[in-house]
Amino acid sequence: MNAIKQHATFRRFSKESSAATLHATDTKQQASLSLVAYREPGKELLMLFINSSERQSASVAAYY
């Protein structure tokens, strides 16, 4: 049976800046997904990474 394992972290660097990550992978390690968010005054960054066991990957980043 294939299941999904997930792990999330949050880190505050200072009063105004922080980062959060979410990582999920299936137990057979055929695919994984990572979402990373970073925030500081006047800047926000959101990145999404998708990988598969077939060596295919995609990433998207938004910065504003």
Protein backbone atom coordinates (compact mmCIF):
# COMPACT_ATOMS: atom_id res chain seq x y z
CA MET A 1 0.00 0.00 0.00
CA ASN A 2 1.25 3.45 -0.91
CA ALA A 3 0.78 6.27 1.58
CA ILE A 4 1.77 9.92 1.86
CA LYS A 5 4.26 11.14 4.47
CA GLN A 6 4.35 14.84 5.23
CA HIS A 7 6.54 17.17 7.22
CA ALA A 8 6.02 20.84 8.00
CA THR A 9 8.29 23.42 9.64
CA PHE A 10 7.96 27.05 10.64
CA ARG A 11 10.83 29.34 11.57
CA ARG A 12 10.80 32.93 12.73
CA PHE A 13 14.06 34.73 11.93
CA SER A 14 13.08 38.03 13.49
CA LYS A 15 9.98 39.91 14.53
CA GLU A 16 9.23 40.71 10.87
CA SER A 17 10.63 37.76 8.88
CA SER A 18 9.66 34.09 8.86
CA ALA A 19 9.61 31.00 6.66
CA ALA A 20 7.38 27.96 6.40
CA THR A 21 7.91 24.71 4.51
CA LEU A 22 5.69 21.77 3.70
CA HIS A 23 7.13 18.60 2.20
CA ALA A 24 5.11 15.56 1.16
CA THR A 25 6.31 12.34 -0.45
CA ASP A 26 4.72 8.99 -1.13
CA THR A 27 6.13 5.97 0.70
CA LYS A 28 7.36 4.39 -2.53
CA GLN A 29 9.19 7.67 -3.27
CA GLN A 30 7.69 8.00 -6.69
CA ALA A 31 6.83 11.67 -6.28
CA SER A 32 7.34 14.54 -3.89
CA LEU A 33 6.02 18.03 -3.43
CA SER A 34 7.62 20.89 -1.49
CA LEU A 35 6.09 24.28 -0.76
CA VAL A 36 8.27 27.03 0.70
CA ALA A 37 7.04 30.47 1.83
CA TYR A 38 9.32 33.27 3.05
CA ARG A 39 8.26 36.68 4.28
CA GLU A 40 10.03 39.84 5.38
CA PRO A 41 8.93 43.49 5.32
CA GLY A 42 8.09 44.45 1.74
CA LYS A 43 9.03 41.03 0.29
CA GLU A 44 7.22 37.71 -0.03
CA LEU A 45 8.46 34.61 -1.82
CA LEU A 46 6.47 31.46 -2.58
CA MET A 47 8.10 28.44 -4.25
CA LEU A 48 6.59 25.12 -5.29
CA PHE A 49 8.73 22.12 -6.28
CA ILE A 50 7.31 18.91 -7.77
CA ASN A 51 9.52 15.88 -8.48
CA SER A 52 8.83 12.38 -9.78
CA SER A 53 10.90 9.20 -9.85
CA GLU A 54 11.05 9.47 -13.63
CA ARG A 55 13.49 12.36 -13.19
CA GLN A 56 10.86 14.86 -14.20
CA SER A 57 10.55 17.97 -12.10
CA ALA A 58 8.85 21.32 -12.11
CA SER A 59 9.26 24.42 -10.00
CA VAL A 60 7.35 27.65 -9.75
CA ALA A 61 8.39 30.76 -7.85
CA ALA A 62 6.43 33.92 -7.16
CA TYR A 63 8.17 36.96 -5.69
CA TYR A 64 6.34 40.14 -4.77
